[in-house]
Amino acid sequence: MKYWNNKGFAYWEFMARSTAVNLATGLERGGFRGTFLQMRAKIKEVGIEVAKQHMIFVQQDFDRGNIGDVKGLLSLKQMADYHHIAFKKFNIPSNFYGGTWLDSVPDDAEFKLYGDLYCHDCDTAAGY
């Protein structure tokens, strides 16, 4: 967590804006059409669903107790999976999640290539 604590406002503002743009594009590719306000509301719905899935996956990580090294700390694979579950509910293509941009490349290979861009302190996927 130390890595993320040292990021300034500009970094987090950029992350929020790029996430909103990516989600809007993903929603449009998934067939959603709406006004600007409707798109904002739908992006919020997606965010709430992602948060719900995150909670479910953290609880599962605690309950199973044999995933990775730290109970409750998720791996890149776990995070990609819960994003994919949430996105599927809105027809957003799975490649709109940061670690799985390339459809033709296996997710594990992408995690090795890009994982440090958005997760410096993830757990391992051992036992998952």
N, C-alpha and C. Protein backbone atom coordinates (compact mmCIF):
# COMPACT_ATOMS: atom_id res chain seq x y z
N MET A 1 0.81 -1.19 0.00
CA MET A 1 0.00 0.00 0.00
C MET A 1 0.86 1.27 0.00
N LYS A 2 2.11 1.15 0.38
CA LYS A 2 2.97 2.33 0.44
C LYS A 2 3.04 3.04 -0.91
N TYR A 3 3.08 2.25 -1.99
CA TYR A 3 3.18 2.84 -3.32
C TYR A 3 2.04 3.81 -3.57
N TRP A 4 0.80 3.39 -3.27
CA TRP A 4 -0.38 4.18 -3.57
C TRP A 4 -0.50 5.39 -2.65
N ASN A 5 0.04 5.33 -1.45
CA ASN A 5 -0.07 6.44 -0.51
C ASN A 5 0.72 7.66 -0.96
N ASN A 6 1.67 7.49 -1.85
CA ASN A 6 2.53 8.60 -2.27
C ASN A 6 2.09 9.25 -3.56
N LYS A 7 0.93 8.88 -4.06
CA LYS A 7 0.43 9.48 -5.29
C LYS A 7 -0.34 10.76 -4.96
N GLY A 8 -0.12 11.79 -5.74
CA GLY A 8 -0.79 13.07 -5.51
C GLY A 8 -2.15 13.15 -6.17
N PHE A 9 -2.81 14.27 -5.96
CA PHE A 9 -4.16 14.48 -6.48
C PHE A 9 -4.21 14.35 -8.00
N ALA A 10 -3.22 14.89 -8.69
CA ALA A 10 -3.23 14.85 -10.16
C ALA A 10 -3.26 13.41 -10.66
N TYR A 11 -2.53 12.53 -10.01
CA TYR A 11 -2.52 11.12 -10.40
C TYR A 11 -3.92 10.52 -10.25
N TRP A 12 -4.56 10.72 -9.11
CA TRP A 12 -5.88 10.14 -8.85
C TRP A 12 -6.95 10.78 -9.73
N GLU A 13 -6.81 12.06 -10.02
CA GLU A 13 -7.76 12.70 -10.92
C GLU A 13 -7.64 12.09 -12.32
N PHE A 14 -6.42 11.89 -12.78
CA PHE A 14 -6.20 11.25 -14.08
C PHE A 14 -6.80 9.84 -14.09
N MET A 15 -6.58 9.08 -13.03
CA MET A 15 -7.11 7.72 -12.96
C MET A 15 -8.64 7.74 -13.02
N ALA A 16 -9.26 8.65 -12.31
CA ALA A 16 -10.73 8.74 -12.30
C ALA A 16 -11.26 9.10 -13.68
N ARG A 17 -10.63 10.08 -14.32
CA ARG A 17 -11.08 10.50 -15.65
C ARG A 17 -10.88 9.39 -16.68
N SER A 18 -9.74 8.75 -16.66
CA SER A 18 -9.49 7.70 -17.65
C SER A 18 -10.42 6.51 -17.41
N THR A 19 -10.72 6.21 -16.16
CA THR A 19 -11.67 5.13 -15.86
C THR A 19 -13.05 5.46 -16.40
N ALA A 20 -13.50 6.70 -16.20
CA ALA A 20 -14.82 7.10 -16.70
C ALA A 20 -14.88 7.03 -18.21
N VAL A 21 -13.84 7.48 -18.88
CA VAL A 21 -13.81 7.44 -20.35
C VAL A 21 -13.81 5.99 -20.83
N ASN A 22 -12.99 5.15 -20.21
CA ASN A 22 -12.94 3.74 -20.61
C ASN A 22 -14.28 3.05 -20.38
N LEU A 23 -14.93 3.32 -19.26
CA LEU A 23 -16.23 2.71 -18.99
C LEU A 23 -17.28 3.21 -19.97
N ALA A 24 -17.27 4.49 -20.28
CA ALA A 24 -18.23 5.03 -21.26
C ALA A 24 -18.04 4.35 -22.61
N THR A 25 -16.80 4.20 -23.03
CA THR A 25 -16.52 3.52 -24.30
C THR A 25 -16.95 2.06 -24.24
N GLY A 26 -16.67 1.39 -23.13
CA GLY A 26 -17.08 0.01 -22.97
C GLY A 26 -18.58 -0.15 -22.98
N LEU A 27 -19.28 0.76 -22.31
CA LEU A 27 -20.75 0.71 -22.31
C LEU A 27 -21.30 0.92 -23.72
N GLU A 28 -20.72 1.86 -24.46
CA GLU A 28 -21.17 2.08 -25.84
C GLU A 28 -20.90 0.86 -26.71
N ARG A 29 -19.72 0.26 -26.55
CA ARG A 29 -19.41 -0.96 -27.33
C ARG A 29 -20.35 -2.09 -26.95
N GLY A 30 -20.83 -2.08 -25.70
CA GLY A 30 -21.77 -3.10 -25.24
C GLY A 30 -23.21 -2.82 -25.62
N GLY A 31 -23.45 -1.67 -26.30
CA GLY A 31 -24.79 -1.37 -26.79
C GLY A 31 -25.55 -0.30 -26.03
N PHE A 32 -24.98 0.25 -24.96
CA PHE A 32 -25.69 1.28 -24.21
C PHE A 32 -25.67 2.59 -24.98
N ARG A 33 -26.83 3.20 -25.08
CA ARG A 33 -26.96 4.53 -25.69
C ARG A 33 -27.76 5.40 -24.74
N GLY A 34 -27.26 6.57 -24.49
CA GLY A 34 -27.97 7.46 -23.59
C GLY A 34 -27.39 8.85 -23.62
N THR A 35 -28.03 9.74 -22.91
CA THR A 35 -27.54 11.11 -22.80
C THR A 35 -26.31 11.13 -21.91
N PHE A 36 -25.69 12.27 -21.82
CA PHE A 36 -24.53 12.44 -20.94
C PHE A 36 -24.89 12.08 -19.50
N LEU A 37 -26.02 12.58 -19.03
CA LEU A 37 -26.44 12.29 -17.65
C LEU A 37 -26.77 10.81 -17.46
N GLN A 38 -27.38 10.20 -18.44
CA GLN A 38 -27.67 8.76 -18.36
C GLN A 38 -26.38 7.95 -18.34
N MET A 39 -25.38 8.38 -19.13
CA MET A 39 -24.09 7.70 -19.14
C MET A 39 -23.41 7.83 -17.78
N ARG A 40 -23.45 9.01 -17.20
CA ARG A 40 -22.85 9.18 -15.87
C ARG A 40 -23.52 8.27 -14.85
N ALA A 41 -24.83 8.17 -14.91
CA ALA A 41 -25.56 7.31 -13.98
C ALA A 41 -25.20 5.85 -14.20
N LYS A 42 -25.04 5.45 -15.46
CA LYS A 42 -24.70 4.05 -15.78
C LYS A 42 -23.27 3.74 -15.32
N ILE A 43 -22.36 4.69 -15.49
CA ILE A 43 -20.98 4.50 -15.01
C ILE A 43 -20.99 4.30 -13.49
N LYS A 44 -21.82 5.06 -12.80
CA LYS A 44 -21.93 4.90 -11.35
C LYS A 44 -22.47 3.50 -11.01
N GLU A 45 -23.45 3.01 -11.76
CA GLU A 45 -23.97 1.66 -11.55
C GLU A 45 -22.87 0.61 -11.72
N VAL A 46 -22.06 0.79 -12.75
CA VAL A 46 -20.95 -0.14 -12.98
C VAL A 46 -19.99 -0.09 -11.80
N GLY A 47 -19.67 1.11 -11.35
CA GLY A 47 -18.76 1.25 -10.21
C GLY A 47 -19.29 0.58 -8.96
N ILE A 48 -20.58 0.70 -8.71
CA ILE A 48 -21.19 0.05 -7.55
C ILE A 48 -21.11 -1.47 -7.70
N GLU A 49 -21.37 -1.96 -8.90
CA GLU A 49 -21.28 -3.41 -9.12
C GLU A 49 -19.85 -3.91 -8.96
N VAL A 50 -18.88 -3.16 -9.45
CA VAL A 50 -17.47 -3.54 -9.27
C VAL A 50 -17.15 -3.59 -7.78
N ALA A 51 -17.61 -2.60 -7.02
CA ALA A 51 -17.36 -2.59 -5.58
C ALA A 51 -18.01 -3.79 -4.89
N LYS A 52 -19.22 -4.13 -5.29
CA LYS A 52 -19.90 -5.31 -4.72
C LYS A 52 -19.10 -6.58 -5.01
N GLN A 53 -18.66 -6.72 -6.25
CA GLN A 53 -17.88 -7.90 -6.61
C GLN A 53 -16.56 -7.94 -5.84
N HIS A 54 -15.95 -6.79 -5.64
CA HIS A 54 -14.71 -6.73 -4.86
C HIS A 54 -14.97 -7.27 -3.45
N MET A 55 -16.05 -6.82 -2.83
CA MET A 55 -16.38 -7.29 -1.48
C MET A 55 -16.60 -8.81 -1.46
N ILE A 56 -17.29 -9.32 -2.46
CA ILE A 56 -17.55 -10.76 -2.54
C ILE A 56 -16.23 -11.52 -2.64
N PHE A 57 -15.34 -11.04 -3.50
CA PHE A 57 -14.07 -11.73 -3.71
C PHE A 57 -13.17 -11.65 -2.48
N VAL A 58 -13.17 -10.52 -1.79
CA VAL A 58 -12.38 -10.41 -0.56
C VAL A 58 -12.93 -11.39 0.48
N GLN A 59 -14.26 -11.46 0.63
CA GLN A 59 -14.86 -12.38 1.59
C GLN A 59 -14.52 -13.83 1.23
N GLN A 60 -14.59 -14.16 -0.06
CA GLN A 60 -14.23 -15.51 -0.49
C GLN A 60 -12.76 -15.81 -0.18
N ASP A 61 -11.91 -14.81 -0.34
CA ASP A 61 -10.49 -14.97 -0.06
C ASP A 61 -10.30 -15.26 1.43
N PHE A 62 -11.02 -14.55 2.29
CA PHE A 62 -10.95 -14.82 3.73
C PHE A 62 -11.51 -16.20 4.05
N ASP A 63 -12.67 -16.53 3.47
CA ASP A 63 -13.36 -17.78 3.80
C ASP A 63 -12.55 -19.00 3.38
N ARG A 64 -11.95 -18.93 2.20
CA ARG A 64 -11.17 -20.09 1.72
C ARG A 64 -9.87 -20.22 2.49
N GLY A 65 -9.23 -19.10 2.77
CA GLY A 65 -8.02 -19.13 3.59
C GLY A 65 -6.79 -19.72 2.96
N ASN A 66 -6.90 -20.27 1.76
CA ASN A 66 -5.73 -20.88 1.14
C ASN A 66 -5.41 -20.25 -0.21
N ILE A 67 -5.85 -19.03 -0.42
CA ILE A 67 -5.56 -18.32 -1.66
C ILE A 67 -4.42 -17.34 -1.40
N GLY A 68 -3.35 -17.48 -2.12
CA GLY A 68 -2.24 -16.55 -1.99
C GLY A 68 -1.58 -16.58 -0.63
N ASP A 69 -0.91 -15.48 -0.29
CA ASP A 69 -0.14 -15.39 0.95
C ASP A 69 -0.87 -14.66 2.07
N VAL A 70 -1.78 -13.73 1.71
CA VAL A 70 -2.42 -12.89 2.72
C VAL A 70 -3.93 -12.98 2.57
N LYS A 71 -4.61 -13.38 3.63
CA LYS A 71 -6.07 -13.45 3.59
C LYS A 71 -6.65 -12.07 3.32
N GLY A 72 -7.56 -12.01 2.35
CA GLY A 72 -8.24 -10.76 2.03
C GLY A 72 -7.52 -9.88 1.03
N LEU A 73 -6.27 -10.18 0.73
CA LEU A 73 -5.51 -9.43 -0.28
C LEU A 73 -5.65 -10.18 -1.61
N LEU A 74 -6.16 -9.51 -2.62
CA LEU A 74 -6.47 -10.16 -3.89
C LEU A 74 -5.29 -10.15 -4.85
N SER A 75 -5.30 -11.13 -5.74
CA SER A 75 -4.30 -11.22 -6.80
C SER A 75 -4.81 -10.49 -8.04
N LEU A 76 -3.92 -10.32 -8.99
CA LEU A 76 -4.31 -9.73 -10.27
C LEU A 76 -5.41 -10.55 -10.93
N LYS A 77 -5.31 -11.86 -10.88
CA LYS A 77 -6.31 -12.75 -11.48
C LYS A 77 -7.66 -12.57 -10.80
N GLN A 78 -7.68 -12.52 -9.47
CA GLN A 78 -8.94 -12.33 -8.76
C GLN A 78 -9.58 -10.99 -9.14
N MET A 79 -8.77 -9.94 -9.22
CA MET A 79 -9.30 -8.63 -9.58
C MET A 79 -9.83 -8.61 -11.00
N ALA A 80 -9.10 -9.22 -11.91
CA ALA A 80 -9.58 -9.28 -13.29
C ALA A 80 -10.90 -10.04 -13.35
N ASP A 81 -10.98 -11.15 -12.62
CA ASP A 81 -12.21 -11.96 -12.65
C ASP A 81 -13.41 -11.18 -12.13
N TYR A 82 -13.25 -10.45 -11.02
CA TYR A 82 -14.44 -9.73 -10.52
C TYR A 82 -14.81 -8.56 -11.41
N HIS A 83 -13.84 -7.93 -12.04
CA HIS A 83 -14.17 -6.89 -13.03
C HIS A 83 -14.94 -7.50 -14.20
N HIS A 84 -14.48 -8.65 -14.67
CA HIS A 84 -15.15 -9.31 -15.80
C HIS A 84 -16.58 -9.69 -15.44
N ILE A 85 -16.81 -10.17 -14.23
CA ILE A 85 -18.17 -10.51 -13.79
C ILE A 85 -19.04 -9.26 -13.78
N ALA A 86 -18.53 -8.19 -13.20
CA ALA A 86 -19.31 -6.94 -13.13
C ALA A 86 -19.56 -6.39 -14.54
N PHE A 87 -18.53 -6.37 -15.37
CA PHE A 87 -18.67 -5.82 -16.71
C PHE A 87 -19.67 -6.61 -17.55
N LYS A 88 -19.68 -7.93 -17.38
CA LYS A 88 -20.59 -8.77 -18.16
C LYS A 88 -22.04 -8.37 -17.91
N LYS A 89 -22.36 -7.94 -16.70
CA LYS A 89 -23.72 -7.53 -16.37
C LYS A 89 -24.17 -6.31 -17.18
N PHE A 90 -23.21 -5.57 -17.72
CA PHE A 90 -23.50 -4.36 -18.49
C PHE A 90 -23.07 -4.49 -19.95
N ASN A 91 -22.73 -5.70 -20.38
CA ASN A 91 -22.26 -5.98 -21.74
C ASN A 91 -20.95 -5.27 -22.08
N ILE A 92 -20.18 -4.89 -21.08
CA ILE A 92 -18.88 -4.25 -21.34
C ILE A 92 -17.88 -5.36 -21.65
N PRO A 93 -17.17 -5.26 -22.77
CA PRO A 93 -16.17 -6.28 -23.11
C PRO A 93 -15.13 -6.41 -22.00
N SER A 94 -14.70 -7.63 -21.73
CA SER A 94 -13.77 -7.88 -20.62
C SER A 94 -12.43 -7.18 -20.80
N ASN A 95 -12.06 -6.86 -22.03
CA ASN A 95 -10.76 -6.22 -22.24
C ASN A 95 -10.75 -4.74 -21.85
N PHE A 96 -11.83 -4.24 -21.28
CA PHE A 96 -11.82 -2.86 -20.79
C PHE A 96 -11.28 -2.76 -19.37
N TYR A 97 -10.90 -3.90 -18.79
CA TYR A 97 -10.22 -3.89 -17.49
C TYR A 97 -8.73 -3.83 -17.75
N GLY A 98 -8.01 -3.01 -16.99
CA GLY A 98 -6.60 -2.73 -17.22
C GLY A 98 -5.68 -3.90 -17.47
N GLY A 99 -5.85 -5.01 -16.76
CA GLY A 99 -4.91 -6.11 -16.90
C GLY A 99 -5.20 -7.05 -18.04
N THR A 100 -6.32 -6.86 -18.73
CA THR A 100 -6.69 -7.80 -19.79
C THR A 100 -7.10 -7.08 -21.06
N TRP A 101 -6.23 -6.20 -21.53
CA TRP A 101 -6.50 -5.39 -22.71
C TRP A 101 -6.53 -6.19 -24.00
N LEU A 102 -5.69 -7.19 -24.09
CA LEU A 102 -5.47 -7.87 -25.35
C LEU A 102 -6.23 -9.20 -25.38
N ASP A 103 -7.22 -9.29 -26.26
CA ASP A 103 -8.05 -10.49 -26.32
C ASP A 103 -7.26 -11.73 -26.74
N SER A 104 -6.28 -11.55 -27.60
CA SER A 104 -5.56 -12.70 -28.15
C SER A 104 -4.40 -13.16 -27.27
N VAL A 105 -4.13 -12.45 -26.19
CA VAL A 105 -3.03 -12.81 -25.29
C VAL A 105 -3.62 -13.35 -23.99
N PRO A 106 -3.13 -14.50 -23.51
CA PRO A 106 -3.65 -15.03 -22.24
C PRO A 106 -3.49 -14.02 -21.10
N ASP A 107 -4.49 -13.98 -20.22
CA ASP A 107 -4.47 -13.02 -19.12
C ASP A 107 -3.19 -13.11 -18.30
N ASP A 108 -2.71 -14.32 -18.00
CA ASP A 108 -1.51 -14.46 -17.18
C ASP A 108 -0.30 -13.77 -17.82
N ALA A 109 -0.21 -13.81 -19.14
CA ALA A 109 0.89 -13.13 -19.83
C ALA A 109 0.74 -11.62 -19.70
N GLU A 110 -0.49 -11.14 -19.80
CA GLU A 110 -0.73 -9.70 -19.65
C GLU A 110 -0.43 -9.23 -18.23
N PHE A 111 -0.76 -10.06 -17.24
CA PHE A 111 -0.47 -9.68 -15.85
C PHE A 111 1.03 -9.48 -15.67
N LYS A 112 1.83 -10.34 -16.31
CA LYS A 112 3.28 -10.20 -16.20
C LYS A 112 3.76 -8.93 -16.90
N LEU A 113 3.13 -8.61 -18.04
CA LEU A 113 3.54 -7.43 -18.80
C LEU A 113 3.08 -6.12 -18.16
N TYR A 114 1.81 -6.07 -17.74
CA TYR A 114 1.20 -4.81 -17.33
C TYR A 114 0.80 -4.73 -15.86
N GLY A 115 0.89 -5.82 -15.14
CA GLY A 115 0.37 -5.87 -13.78
C GLY A 115 0.90 -4.80 -12.85
N ASP A 116 2.17 -4.46 -12.97
CA ASP A 116 2.75 -3.45 -12.09
C ASP A 116 2.24 -2.04 -12.38
N LEU A 117 1.59 -1.85 -13.52
CA LEU A 117 1.05 -0.53 -13.81
C LEU A 117 -0.09 -0.16 -12.87
N TYR A 118 -0.81 -1.15 -12.38
CA TYR A 118 -1.94 -0.83 -11.52
C TYR A 118 -2.00 -1.65 -10.24
N CYS A 119 -1.04 -2.53 -10.01
CA CYS A 119 -1.05 -3.28 -8.76
C CYS A 119 0.37 -3.62 -8.33
N HIS A 120 0.87 -2.86 -7.38
CA HIS A 120 2.23 -3.06 -6.90
C HIS A 120 2.29 -3.92 -5.66
N ASP A 121 1.14 -4.20 -5.06
CA ASP A 121 1.14 -4.93 -3.79
C ASP A 121 0.06 -6.01 -3.76
N CYS A 122 -0.21 -6.60 -4.91
CA CYS A 122 -1.22 -7.68 -4.98
C CYS A 122 -0.67 -8.95 -4.38
N ASP A 123 -1.59 -9.83 -4.01
CA ASP A 123 -1.24 -11.15 -3.52
C ASP A 123 -0.95 -12.05 -4.72
N THR A 124 -0.49 -13.25 -4.46
CA THR A 124 -0.31 -14.23 -5.52
C THR A 124 -1.65 -14.92 -5.79
N ALA A 125 -1.74 -15.61 -6.90
CA ALA A 125 -2.96 -16.34 -7.24
C ALA A 125 -2.88 -17.81 -6.83
N ALA A 126 -1.86 -18.18 -6.05
CA ALA A 126 -1.70 -19.57 -5.63
C ALA A 126 -2.94 -20.05 -4.87
N GLY A 127 -3.46 -21.18 -5.28
CA GLY A 127 -4.62 -21.76 -4.61
C GLY A 127 -5.95 -21.23 -5.10
N TYR A 128 -5.93 -20.36 -6.09
CA TYR A 128 -7.16 -19.76 -6.59
C TYR A 128 -7.73 -20.56 -7.72
